Each structure stands twice: as structure tokens, then as C-alpha cells.
């Protein structure tokens, strides 16, 4: 009789909002944060509005490239992109440029619920076989990890503070829908607030 392989147990998925709150609470005061559209913006805002946060509205796929630009412009500050798997997949090619530049102060966190949360919870590619950690490593980002334990928020925050290497973190989160906490949708005010956090004057 041929033995059949036992099915692989699914990896545990975290409470998205709690993980983001724990991570944001551990960030250094000078950290600059760029959020992807939808849930990542809601979660970061729910964790407490910070002057060094730039919330994206509708710019799907732009969180990682914007964070890359900020990291290159301000190597003295830790820069964090917090995005979702759907938003991130829209601009996945940015990882090639990140892998070529490897700014040590850049961290990309992908909250992966394996769904397109803003358009009706259709399955995303990560639920259909795409391995984001393997993709990031393939683009040259060696410090790529998968997070399935809430205690890993502390290690991730330590990496952000250290600014020692470009870090990529795929955080497996549950496909739930906590109450939305909407940051301001005034783009000009958002821009001016972020510029002020960088010590820049408005035009």
C-alpha cells in the first residue's frame, strides 16, 4: 500500500489591526511611514496618527516605490512601507529597483490576507500560489521573512530601528474587516504634514 502524504497544515494568520498597532507602537519617533490604499491606511491611522505618515488614497501599487524614494532621499531616517498584498502585487516590479538599490533604512511590510479587500474580497495571487518572500529574494532582497507570530513585531521593529539592511516582511493576516478608521482625505494637507515632518516648507 502506498502511503499518502498528510496535508500541510495552513500557516497561522494574525489579527491584522493588532499586529499593526503593536508594530507602530514600537517604531522610533523619527520613522517615516507610507501606507498603501485601503486597510493598511486604516490600520496605521487606527494605531495613532503620526506627523511622519503619508497615507495613499487610490494610488494602487505606489506604496513601495514612494517609500523607496523617501528612503533614498533621507538615509538618516527609518522608512517603512505598510501595504497589502493586492496593492503590492499591482506594482510588484518595484522590488527589482529596491533590490538594485537596497537602501538599508527601508522596510516593506505586506499585510497579506490573500484577498483583494477593497474590491469585494476576491482571492489574490498569494492565495493562488504566489510566494512573496521567494519573489523578494529573487529580486535580490536577502532580508525577506514571513511573519506568522505576533511576537515577531518586536524583532521587526528592531530591524527598522537598526537601519542595517533593506527588509521585506510578508505578514500573514486573517481576512477580516475591522471597523474602518479613515485618515484625512485632504491630499494637500497630507502632503504638507509629511513635508513638515521632513523639515520642509510648503510651496
Foldseek 3Di string as FASTA:
>chain_A
DDDDDDDDDDFAAAAVLVLLLLLLVLADLLEAEEEAEDPRQQSNVVSPDHLRYFYDHPPQQCQVVVQVVVCVVCVVHQYEYEYEPRSNVVNVVVLLVCLVVWQLRYEYEYAYQQADLPPPGHGHVVVVDDDVQVSSVVSRQPQEEEDRDSVCSNVVSVSNVVSGTYHYYYHGHHPDDDDGRDDDPPNVVSVQSNCVSVVHHDD
